[in-house]
Amino acid sequence: MAPAAMTFASSLADAQPVPFWLDDPGRPGALPALTGTERCDLLVVGGGYSGLWTALLAKERDPGRDVVLIEGREAGWAASGRNGGFCAASLTHGLGNGLARWPDEIAKLEDLGARNLDAIEDTVARYGIDCDFERTGEIDVATEPHQLTELHELHEEATRLGFGGLEMLDRDAVRAEVDSPTFLGGLWDRDGVAMLHPAKLAWGLKRACLGLGVRVYENTRGLELAACGPGMAVRTPYGRVLARRVALGTNVFPSLVKRVRPYTVPVYDYALMTEPLSSEQLASVGWKRRQGLGDSANQFHYFRITADHRILWGGYDAVYPFGGRLSAELDHRPETYLRLAGHFFRCFPQLEGLRFSHAWGGAIDTCSRFAAFFGTAHRGRVAYAAGFTGLGVGATRFGADVMLDLLGGERTERTALTMVRSKPLPFPPEPVAWAGIGLTKWSLARADANGGRRNVWLRTLDRLGLGFDS
């Protein structure tokens, strides 16, 4: 092993192989599993953000509605408790993706996203959810000249369309915010992103649901969905739930509506958390306004500072397992941790000697348009939302509203959207999916190394509206 690699490896020597956010003495205990038969007006399947927001909003819309939520493990244990804690207003995986896919309704989507983020902030305050919510914004940084050009073009387009809140930063300005010799400039979204503790948000939403009378059963997996008279039945390991309506918030896990499964693939994403920075180390990077950051490469990193002055550093590798396999074994990938550590110290050489306290991974549901899709099944008695592609901390609340609108048969400003009424292209079956995703990842890496120039394969995917991301 080269000397530099040995240094990076030593920084990982004490890293615990568990998600930092879930490694918390305040983590609530699991609620009992469902046994026997339950009956309700609305059954929510999934105890991540998607399911928790759906249950909470259902009770807020109609306090008399009888709501049950089942979760296969514990609320927030999967992606909702493992992500970077970036709560974005964007419903479209960023303005650029939204402009490319829904140019005619991007103004409405941006407005709905901003209102959705405001509503999340209000909910956190109203229910007293202690999740370190900070409306700090996010800076997309350029580390290559072509990325800087692309950020300038996006800023000009946003300005032309009248979208405020975006500020272009030159090299000196971005380094005055967060100091890295790799930063050439950045685009700061001042109000459209909040930073938070993701697991504490999930635990707080669970507590709020319980307070409104939602019956929550953990370690209760939904195994099978079937029509039952005028409603639906969901079989669980020790019983079943009979419900008038069902909302599916299972995301990366196989949908109980089988025809939905080809629209998503699981992608494993990985992150590191440092030990707390000393006052000297903190001063060397600045970061006084505590923004979230992400670089602008195809294989990108996301990074942020926590309430106790640690740095989370994640992204880059997006690993698709053949056949879409989901396994706890894939939650850890030492070769990725070592690569991420090397990238971290390249970005922040002034932090040499800092060590990582936690290293972990988890699966994200990715779809080919990078933004969520929605639908119904069983004559409108079942609704689903999926495909958030790593940007679900905020967008899942919007998705919950969409599912409740669809289950109620309501035509709203949300259900009228082309984004809501359309579907992404499905992924092909194996081995084509494996080969295609592999070729796409290789091509994206080549584009990063060649000034952003996209090869024939990527240009073809662009024309078809297809993609792969984490």
Protein backbone atom coordinates (compact mmCIF):
# COMPACT_ATOMS: atom_id res chain seq x y z
CA MET A 1 0.00 0.00 0.00
CA ALA A 2 1.32 3.46 -0.95
CA PRO A 3 2.20 5.83 1.91
CA ALA A 4 -0.75 8.11 1.13
CA ALA A 5 -3.16 5.17 1.14
CA MET A 6 -1.72 4.04 4.47
CA THR A 7 -2.45 7.50 5.89
CA PHE A 8 -6.01 7.36 4.63
CA ALA A 9 -6.43 3.86 6.04
CA SER A 10 -5.16 4.92 9.47
CA SER A 11 -7.83 7.64 9.55
CA LEU A 12 -10.43 4.85 9.38
CA ALA A 13 -8.92 2.66 12.11
CA ASP A 14 -11.46 3.67 14.76
CA ALA A 15 -14.47 4.10 12.48
CA GLN A 16 -17.51 2.24 13.78
CA PRO A 17 -19.37 0.38 11.02
CA VAL A 18 -22.76 1.84 11.98
CA PRO A 19 -24.68 4.91 10.77
CA PHE A 20 -23.67 7.87 12.93
CA TRP A 21 -27.23 9.16 13.19
CA LEU A 22 -28.59 5.87 14.52
CA ASP A 23 -25.73 5.46 17.00
CA ASP A 24 -27.55 7.64 19.53
CA PRO A 25 -28.37 6.92 23.18
CA GLY A 26 -31.69 8.68 22.66
CA ARG A 27 -32.78 6.23 19.97
CA PRO A 28 -36.30 5.09 20.88
CA GLY A 29 -37.02 1.44 21.47
CA ALA A 30 -39.00 -0.58 18.95
CA LEU A 31 -42.75 -0.80 19.35
CA PRO A 32 -44.39 -4.27 19.46
CA ALA A 33 -45.13 -6.18 16.28
CA LEU A 34 -48.66 -6.64 14.99
CA THR A 35 -50.34 -9.90 15.99
CA GLY A 36 -53.80 -10.96 14.90
CA THR A 37 -56.11 -8.87 12.74
CA GLU A 38 -56.26 -5.07 12.67
CA ARG A 39 -58.88 -2.94 10.92
CA CYS A 40 -58.50 0.67 9.88
CA ASP A 41 -59.49 3.35 7.41
CA LEU A 42 -55.94 3.83 6.14
CA LEU A 43 -52.98 1.48 6.32
CA VAL A 44 -49.55 2.98 5.71
CA VAL A 45 -46.83 0.48 4.79
CA GLY A 46 -43.33 1.71 5.62
CA GLY A 47 -41.93 3.64 8.57
CA GLY A 48 -39.45 5.87 6.79
CA TYR A 49 -40.13 9.49 5.89
CA SER A 50 -42.62 8.58 3.16
CA GLY A 51 -44.82 6.50 5.44
CA LEU A 52 -44.45 8.72 8.51
CA TRP A 53 -45.41 11.87 6.61
CA THR A 54 -48.39 10.06 5.07
CA ALA A 55 -49.70 8.91 8.45
CA LEU A 56 -49.16 12.33 10.03
CA LEU A 57 -50.79 14.30 7.21
CA ALA A 58 -53.70 11.85 7.05
CA LYS A 59 -54.49 12.56 10.71
CA GLU A 60 -54.00 16.29 10.28
CA ARG A 61 -56.41 16.31 7.33
CA ASP A 62 -58.98 14.20 9.18
CA PRO A 63 -58.39 13.63 12.92
CA GLY A 64 -61.20 11.05 12.94
CA ARG A 65 -59.52 8.85 10.34
CA ASP A 66 -58.33 5.54 11.82
CA VAL A 67 -54.71 5.10 10.70
CA VAL A 68 -52.34 2.16 11.16
CA LEU A 69 -48.66 2.18 10.15
CA ILE A 70 -46.55 -0.96 9.84
CA GLU A 71 -42.75 -1.01 9.51
CA GLY A 72 -40.59 -4.03 8.69
CA ARG A 73 -37.85 -3.05 11.16
CA GLU A 74 -37.85 0.20 13.17
CA ALA A 75 -38.98 3.64 12.03
CA GLY A 76 -36.13 5.46 10.32
CA TRP A 77 -33.65 2.56 10.33
CA ALA A 78 -33.13 2.46 6.54
CA ALA A 79 -32.47 5.41 4.18
CA SER A 80 -34.34 7.84 6.44
CA GLY A 81 -31.80 7.31 9.20
CA ARG A 82 -28.67 6.97 7.03
CA ASN A 83 -28.75 9.96 4.67
CA GLY A 84 -26.77 13.19 4.77
CA GLY A 85 -29.54 15.28 6.31
CA PHE A 86 -30.01 17.59 3.29
CA CYS A 87 -33.68 18.66 3.29
CA ALA A 88 -34.17 20.37 -0.07
CA ALA A 89 -37.11 22.32 -1.40
CA SER A 90 -36.59 20.86 -4.88
CA LEU A 91 -39.09 18.19 -5.86
CA THR A 92 -37.26 17.46 -9.12
CA HIS A 93 -33.75 16.51 -7.94
CA GLY A 94 -32.53 20.00 -8.62
CA LEU A 95 -33.55 22.86 -10.87
CA GLY A 96 -31.51 21.55 -13.82
CA ASN A 97 -33.30 18.20 -13.87
CA GLY A 98 -36.67 19.89 -13.45
CA LEU A 99 -36.01 22.27 -16.34
CA ALA A 100 -34.94 19.41 -18.58
CA ARG A 101 -38.01 17.27 -17.85
CA TRP A 102 -40.89 19.62 -17.00
CA PRO A 103 -40.04 23.07 -18.41
CA ASP A 104 -43.70 24.09 -18.77
CA GLU A 105 -44.50 23.51 -15.10
CA ILE A 106 -41.15 24.22 -13.44
CA ALA A 107 -42.46 27.46 -11.91
CA LYS A 108 -45.31 25.55 -10.23
CA LEU A 109 -42.95 22.77 -9.11
CA GLU A 110 -40.53 25.29 -7.59
CA ASP A 111 -43.39 27.04 -5.79
CA LEU A 112 -44.80 23.78 -4.44
CA GLY A 113 -41.33 22.73 -3.32
CA ALA A 114 -40.74 25.98 -1.46
CA ARG A 115 -44.12 25.70 0.27
CA ASN A 116 -43.36 22.08 1.14
CA LEU A 117 -40.07 23.02 2.82
CA ASP A 118 -41.82 25.80 4.74
CA ALA A 119 -44.40 23.26 5.91
CA ILE A 120 -41.64 20.89 7.10
CA GLU A 121 -40.08 23.71 9.11
CA ASP A 122 -43.50 24.53 10.59
CA THR A 123 -44.13 20.88 11.49
CA VAL A 124 -40.75 20.58 13.21
CA ALA A 125 -41.56 23.64 15.32
CA ARG A 126 -45.21 22.76 15.99
CA TYR A 127 -44.47 19.25 17.26
CA GLY A 128 -41.25 20.22 19.02
CA ILE A 129 -39.11 17.86 16.93
CA ASP A 130 -35.50 18.31 18.08
CA CYS A 131 -33.66 17.44 14.86
CA ASP A 132 -31.08 20.25 14.54
CA PHE A 133 -33.11 21.90 11.76
CA GLU A 134 -31.09 24.77 10.21
CA ARG A 135 -32.18 26.70 7.09
CA THR A 136 -28.59 27.24 5.95
CA GLY A 137 -28.88 26.61 2.22
CA GLU A 138 -26.50 24.60 0.05
CA ILE A 139 -23.54 25.47 -2.17
CA ASP A 140 -22.93 23.47 -5.34
CA VAL A 141 -19.19 23.83 -5.82
CA ALA A 142 -17.15 23.53 -9.01
CA THR A 143 -13.85 21.68 -8.82
CA GLU A 144 -13.21 21.68 -12.60
CA PRO A 145 -13.49 24.55 -15.11
CA HIS A 146 -16.34 22.94 -17.07
CA GLN A 147 -18.37 22.60 -13.87
CA LEU A 148 -17.97 26.32 -13.23
CA THR A 149 -19.28 27.05 -16.72
CA GLU A 150 -22.30 24.81 -16.11
CA LEU A 151 -23.07 26.53 -12.80
CA HIS A 152 -22.92 29.96 -14.48
CA GLU A 153 -25.33 28.72 -17.17
CA LEU A 154 -27.76 27.37 -14.57
CA HIS A 155 -27.60 30.64 -12.62
CA GLU A 156 -28.31 32.65 -15.77
CA GLU A 157 -31.28 30.44 -16.64
CA ALA A 158 -32.68 30.67 -13.11
CA THR A 159 -32.33 34.46 -13.20
CA ARG A 160 -34.05 34.63 -16.59
CA LEU A 161 -36.99 32.65 -15.20
CA GLY A 162 -37.23 34.87 -12.14
CA PHE A 163 -36.13 32.31 -9.56
CA GLY A 164 -34.43 34.17 -6.72
CA GLY A 165 -32.30 33.00 -3.86
CA LEU A 166 -29.38 31.77 -5.98
CA GLU A 167 -26.03 33.53 -5.72
CA MET A 168 -23.01 32.83 -7.89
CA LEU A 169 -19.74 32.78 -5.94
CA ASP A 170 -16.30 33.16 -7.48
CA ARG A 171 -13.27 31.29 -6.18
CA ASP A 172 -12.47 33.75 -3.40
CA ALA A 173 -16.10 34.07 -2.31
CA VAL A 174 -16.71 30.34 -2.05
CA ARG A 175 -13.44 29.80 -0.20
CA ALA A 176 -14.43 32.56 2.22
CA GLU A 177 -17.45 30.41 3.08
CA VAL A 178 -15.73 27.00 3.17
CA ASP A 179 -12.03 26.83 2.42
CA SER A 180 -10.76 24.14 0.07
CA PRO A 181 -7.99 24.52 -2.51
CA THR A 182 -10.12 22.41 -4.87
CA PHE A 183 -13.00 24.94 -5.07
CA LEU A 184 -13.11 27.13 -8.19
CA GLY A 185 -16.51 28.69 -7.50
CA GLY A 186 -19.99 27.78 -6.43
CA LEU A 187 -23.73 28.38 -6.72
CA TRP A 188 -25.31 29.09 -3.35
CA ASP A 189 -28.99 28.30 -2.88
CA ARG A 190 -29.47 30.47 0.19
CA ASP A 191 -32.98 29.45 1.26
CA GLY A 192 -33.90 26.26 -0.57
CA VAL A 193 -32.14 23.69 1.63
CA ALA A 194 -32.18 22.97 5.36
CA MET A 195 -29.73 20.79 7.22
CA LEU A 196 -30.97 18.43 9.92
CA HIS A 197 -30.34 15.26 11.93
CA PRO A 198 -32.18 12.71 9.75
CA ALA A 199 -32.81 10.01 12.34
CA LYS A 200 -34.13 12.52 14.88
CA LEU A 201 -36.55 13.82 12.25
CA ALA A 202 -37.87 10.27 11.70
CA TRP A 203 -38.14 9.62 15.44
CA GLY A 204 -39.89 12.94 15.94
CA LEU A 205 -42.40 12.21 13.17
CA LYS A 206 -43.08 8.81 14.73
CA ARG A 207 -43.72 10.44 18.11
CA ALA A 208 -46.03 13.00 16.49
CA CYS A 209 -47.98 10.23 14.74
CA LEU A 210 -48.43 8.36 18.00
CA GLY A 211 -49.60 11.56 19.66
CA LEU A 212 -52.33 11.96 17.04
CA GLY A 213 -53.55 8.40 17.54
CA VAL A 214 -51.80 6.53 14.74
CA ARG A 215 -51.28 2.89 15.74
CA VAL A 216 -47.67 2.01 14.84
CA TYR A 217 -46.39 -1.57 14.65
CA GLU A 218 -42.67 -2.16 14.15
CA ASN A 219 -40.90 -5.38 13.12
CA THR A 220 -44.03 -5.96 11.04
CA ARG A 221 -43.30 -6.47 7.37
CA GLY A 222 -46.02 -6.24 4.75
CA LEU A 223 -45.83 -9.54 2.90
CA GLU A 224 -48.76 -9.59 0.50
CA LEU A 225 -51.43 -7.19 -0.72
CA ALA A 226 -54.81 -8.36 -1.97
CA ALA A 227 -58.32 -7.04 -2.49
CA CYS A 228 -60.74 -7.95 0.29
CA GLY A 229 -64.37 -6.97 -0.23
CA PRO A 230 -64.61 -3.18 -0.58
CA GLY A 231 -61.10 -2.71 0.82
CA MET A 232 -57.67 -4.29 0.95
CA ALA A 233 -55.87 -6.86 3.07
CA VAL A 234 -52.16 -6.85 3.84
CA ARG A 235 -50.67 -10.01 5.29
CA THR A 236 -47.92 -9.66 7.90
CA PRO A 237 -45.74 -12.30 9.64
CA TYR A 238 -48.11 -12.69 12.61
CA GLY A 239 -51.39 -11.35 11.32
CA ARG A 240 -53.03 -9.08 8.79
CA VAL A 241 -54.50 -5.62 8.36
CA LEU A 242 -57.87 -4.96 6.72
CA ALA A 243 -58.04 -1.41 5.44
CA ARG A 244 -60.30 0.72 3.27
CA ARG A 245 -57.24 2.35 1.69
CA VAL A 246 -53.50 1.58 1.60
CA ALA A 247 -50.54 3.93 1.06
CA LEU A 248 -47.23 2.32 0.13
CA GLY A 249 -44.09 4.11 1.28
CA THR A 250 -41.64 1.23 0.90
CA ASN A 251 -39.40 2.97 -1.67
CA VAL A 252 -36.23 0.87 -2.15
CA PHE A 253 -37.89 -2.32 -0.90
CA PRO A 254 -39.91 -4.39 -3.40
CA SER A 255 -43.33 -2.84 -3.87
CA LEU A 256 -46.40 -4.84 -2.89
CA VAL A 257 -47.73 -3.74 -6.29
CA LYS A 258 -45.51 -5.91 -8.47
CA ARG A 259 -45.92 -3.91 -11.69
CA VAL A 260 -44.21 -0.95 -9.98
CA ARG A 261 -40.98 -2.85 -9.29
CA PRO A 262 -39.27 -2.35 -12.70
CA TYR A 263 -39.37 1.43 -12.25
CA THR A 264 -36.72 1.47 -9.51
CA VAL A 265 -33.37 -0.12 -8.81
CA PRO A 266 -31.46 -0.09 -5.50
CA VAL A 267 -28.22 1.88 -5.42
CA TYR A 268 -25.86 1.63 -2.46
CA ASP A 269 -24.43 4.91 -1.24
CA TYR A 270 -21.71 5.32 1.43
CA ALA A 271 -20.66 7.97 3.91
CA LEU A 272 -18.02 8.78 6.51
CA MET A 273 -18.33 10.92 9.65
CA THR A 274 -15.33 12.55 11.27
CA GLU A 275 -14.62 13.00 14.92
CA PRO A 276 -15.51 16.52 16.18
CA LEU A 277 -13.21 19.24 14.85
CA SER A 278 -11.14 21.23 17.30
CA SER A 279 -11.55 25.02 17.33
CA GLU A 280 -8.30 25.31 15.33
CA GLN A 281 -9.42 22.77 12.75
CA LEU A 282 -12.79 24.45 12.43
CA ALA A 283 -11.15 27.84 11.94
CA SER A 284 -9.01 26.38 9.14
CA VAL A 285 -12.07 25.50 7.05
CA GLY A 286 -14.37 28.36 8.07
CA TRP A 287 -17.90 27.06 7.47
CA LYS A 288 -19.38 29.62 9.86
CA ARG A 289 -22.74 29.62 8.05
CA ARG A 290 -22.95 25.81 8.12
CA GLN A 291 -24.23 25.31 4.57
CA GLY A 292 -24.52 21.92 2.99
CA LEU A 293 -22.17 21.37 0.07
CA GLY A 294 -21.98 19.16 -2.96
CA ASP A 295 -19.56 19.09 -5.85
CA SER A 296 -20.76 19.23 -9.43
CA ALA A 297 -19.21 16.08 -10.87
CA ASN A 298 -21.27 13.21 -12.23
CA GLN A 299 -19.69 11.08 -9.50
CA PHE A 300 -20.31 13.66 -6.82
CA HIS A 301 -19.66 14.10 -3.11
CA TYR A 302 -22.03 15.65 -0.60
CA PHE A 303 -20.74 17.03 2.68
CA ARG A 304 -21.96 19.03 5.64
CA ILE A 305 -21.10 19.99 9.19
CA THR A 306 -23.08 18.68 12.15
CA ALA A 307 -24.33 20.36 15.31
CA ASP A 308 -21.29 19.03 17.21
CA HIS A 309 -18.81 20.16 14.51
CA ARG A 310 -18.19 16.86 12.74
CA ILE A 311 -18.00 16.64 8.96
CA LEU A 312 -20.10 14.13 7.07
CA TRP A 313 -18.52 13.17 3.73
CA GLY A 314 -20.43 10.87 1.39
CA GLY A 315 -21.26 9.94 -2.18
CA TYR A 316 -19.09 9.26 -5.25
CA ASP A 317 -19.53 5.49 -5.54
CA ALA A 318 -23.05 4.47 -6.52
CA VAL A 319 -23.09 0.69 -6.41
CA TYR A 320 -25.80 -1.30 -8.16
CA PRO A 321 -25.84 -4.97 -7.12
CA PHE A 322 -26.65 -7.47 -9.88
CA GLY A 323 -30.33 -8.34 -9.87
CA GLY A 324 -31.17 -5.49 -7.51
CA ARG A 325 -30.13 -7.56 -4.51
CA LEU A 326 -30.77 -6.03 -1.09
CA SER A 327 -28.49 -7.34 1.65
CA ALA A 328 -27.05 -6.10 4.93
CA GLU A 329 -23.66 -7.29 3.62
CA LEU A 330 -23.78 -4.45 1.08
CA ASP A 331 -24.20 -1.80 3.77
CA HIS A 332 -20.40 -1.75 4.17
CA ARG A 333 -17.72 -1.42 1.51
CA PRO A 334 -14.19 -0.86 2.83
CA GLU A 335 -12.76 -0.04 -0.60
CA THR A 336 -15.27 2.80 -0.90
CA TYR A 337 -14.49 4.05 2.61
CA LEU A 338 -10.80 4.19 1.69
CA ARG A 339 -11.56 6.04 -1.56
CA LEU A 340 -13.80 8.52 0.26
CA ALA A 341 -11.12 9.15 2.90
CA GLY A 342 -8.60 9.95 0.16
CA HIS A 343 -11.03 12.34 -1.51
CA PHE A 344 -11.76 14.02 1.84
CA PHE A 345 -8.14 14.86 2.55
CA ARG A 346 -7.65 16.05 -1.03
CA CYS A 347 -10.51 18.48 -0.47
CA PHE A 348 -9.37 19.51 3.02
CA PRO A 349 -5.60 18.97 3.27
CA GLN A 350 -5.51 21.30 6.28
CA LEU A 351 -7.36 18.60 8.25
CA GLU A 352 -4.62 15.99 7.91
CA GLY A 353 -4.61 13.83 11.02
CA LEU A 354 -8.37 14.03 11.55
CA ARG A 355 -9.95 10.61 12.07
CA PHE A 356 -13.30 9.15 11.13
CA SER A 357 -15.63 7.91 13.85
CA HIS A 358 -18.28 6.19 11.71
CA ALA A 359 -18.50 4.59 8.25
CA TRP A 360 -21.71 3.20 6.76
CA GLY A 361 -23.81 2.66 3.70
CA GLY A 362 -27.34 1.95 2.65
CA ALA A 363 -29.64 1.53 -0.32
CA ILE A 364 -31.47 4.29 -2.19
CA ASP A 365 -34.34 3.76 -4.63
CA THR A 366 -33.29 5.22 -7.97
CA CYS A 367 -35.50 5.76 -10.98
CA SER A 368 -34.55 6.75 -14.50
CA ARG A 369 -35.78 10.34 -14.24
CA PHE A 370 -34.15 10.99 -10.81
CA ALA A 371 -37.39 12.33 -9.28
CA ALA A 372 -40.31 10.61 -7.60
CA PHE A 373 -43.22 9.05 -9.44
CA PHE A 374 -46.71 8.24 -8.20
CA GLY A 375 -49.70 6.10 -8.98
CA THR A 376 -52.63 4.00 -7.82
CA ALA A 377 -53.64 0.36 -8.01
CA HIS A 378 -56.65 -1.80 -7.15
CA ARG A 379 -59.18 0.72 -8.48
CA GLY A 380 -57.78 3.60 -6.52
CA ARG A 381 -57.73 1.85 -3.16
CA VAL A 382 -53.91 1.72 -3.11
CA ALA A 383 -51.50 4.59 -3.75
CA TYR A 384 -47.72 4.60 -3.99
CA ALA A 385 -44.81 7.03 -4.24
CA ALA A 386 -41.26 5.91 -5.05
CA GLY A 387 -38.07 6.80 -6.92
CA PHE A 388 -36.92 9.78 -4.83
CA THR A 389 -33.31 8.99 -5.85
CA GLY A 390 -31.55 10.29 -2.78
CA LEU A 391 -33.48 13.55 -2.47
CA GLY A 392 -36.35 12.29 -0.34
CA VAL A 393 -35.77 14.05 2.98
CA GLY A 394 -38.01 16.90 1.87
CA ALA A 395 -39.78 15.53 -1.21
CA THR A 396 -41.34 12.60 0.66
CA ARG A 397 -43.68 15.01 2.44
CA PHE A 398 -44.90 16.22 -0.95
CA GLY A 399 -45.23 12.58 -2.02
CA ALA A 400 -47.35 11.85 1.04
CA ASP A 401 -49.72 14.67 0.09
CA VAL A 402 -49.93 13.28 -3.45
CA MET A 403 -50.77 9.78 -2.19
CA LEU A 404 -53.52 11.13 0.07
CA ASP A 405 -54.92 13.22 -2.80
CA LEU A 406 -54.98 10.16 -5.06
CA LEU A 407 -56.60 7.95 -2.42
CA GLY A 408 -59.26 10.60 -1.88
CA GLY A 409 -59.94 10.85 -5.61
CA GLU A 410 -59.18 14.57 -5.43
CA ARG A 411 -58.02 16.74 -8.32
CA THR A 412 -55.56 19.15 -6.74
CA GLU A 413 -52.73 21.37 -7.94
CA ARG A 414 -50.48 18.40 -7.15
CA THR A 415 -52.41 15.69 -9.00
CA ALA A 416 -52.78 17.96 -12.04
CA LEU A 417 -49.01 18.04 -12.55
CA THR A 418 -47.50 16.22 -15.53
CA MET A 419 -44.80 15.06 -13.11
CA VAL A 420 -47.46 13.32 -11.02
CA ARG A 421 -49.46 11.95 -13.95
CA SER A 422 -46.45 10.51 -15.82
CA LYS A 423 -44.04 7.67 -15.14
CA PRO A 424 -40.30 7.29 -15.76
CA LEU A 425 -39.12 4.68 -18.20
CA PRO A 426 -38.65 1.33 -16.44
CA PHE A 427 -35.29 -0.35 -16.14
CA PRO A 428 -34.80 -3.39 -18.38
CA PRO A 429 -34.56 -6.93 -16.96
CA GLU A 430 -31.24 -8.57 -16.14
CA PRO A 431 -28.63 -8.95 -17.46
CA VAL A 432 -29.40 -5.88 -19.60
CA ALA A 433 -29.89 -3.65 -16.54
CA TRP A 434 -26.52 -4.67 -15.09
CA ALA A 435 -24.72 -4.09 -18.39
CA GLY A 436 -26.47 -0.80 -19.08
CA ILE A 437 -25.89 0.62 -15.61
CA GLY A 438 -22.26 -0.47 -15.73
CA LEU A 439 -21.73 1.21 -19.10
CA THR A 440 -23.45 4.36 -17.83
CA LYS A 441 -21.25 4.55 -14.72
CA TRP A 442 -18.11 4.08 -16.84
CA SER A 443 -19.27 6.77 -19.25
CA LEU A 444 -20.04 9.23 -16.44
CA ALA A 445 -16.56 8.71 -14.99
CA ARG A 446 -15.06 9.33 -18.43
CA ALA A 447 -17.09 12.53 -18.76
CA ASP A 448 -15.80 13.76 -15.39
CA ALA A 449 -12.24 13.13 -16.57
CA ASN A 450 -12.74 14.73 -19.99
CA GLY A 451 -14.11 18.18 -19.29
CA GLY A 452 -17.72 17.03 -19.01
CA ARG A 453 -17.86 15.77 -22.60
CA ARG A 454 -20.58 13.13 -22.86
CA ASN A 455 -20.01 10.14 -25.14
CA VAL A 456 -22.46 8.62 -27.60
CA TRP A 457 -23.99 6.37 -24.93
CA LEU A 458 -24.73 9.27 -22.56
CA ARG A 459 -26.07 11.45 -25.36
CA THR A 460 -28.40 8.63 -26.39
CA LEU A 461 -29.65 8.28 -22.82
CA ASP A 462 -30.19 12.05 -22.68
CA ARG A 463 -32.37 11.91 -25.79
CA LEU A 464 -34.40 9.05 -24.30
CA GLY A 465 -34.79 10.77 -20.94
CA LEU A 466 -32.96 7.96 -19.15
CA GLY A 467 -30.28 8.14 -16.49
CA PHE A 468 -28.67 6.61 -13.44
CA ASP A 469 -27.86 8.45 -10.24
CA SER A 470 -27.75 8.12 -6.45
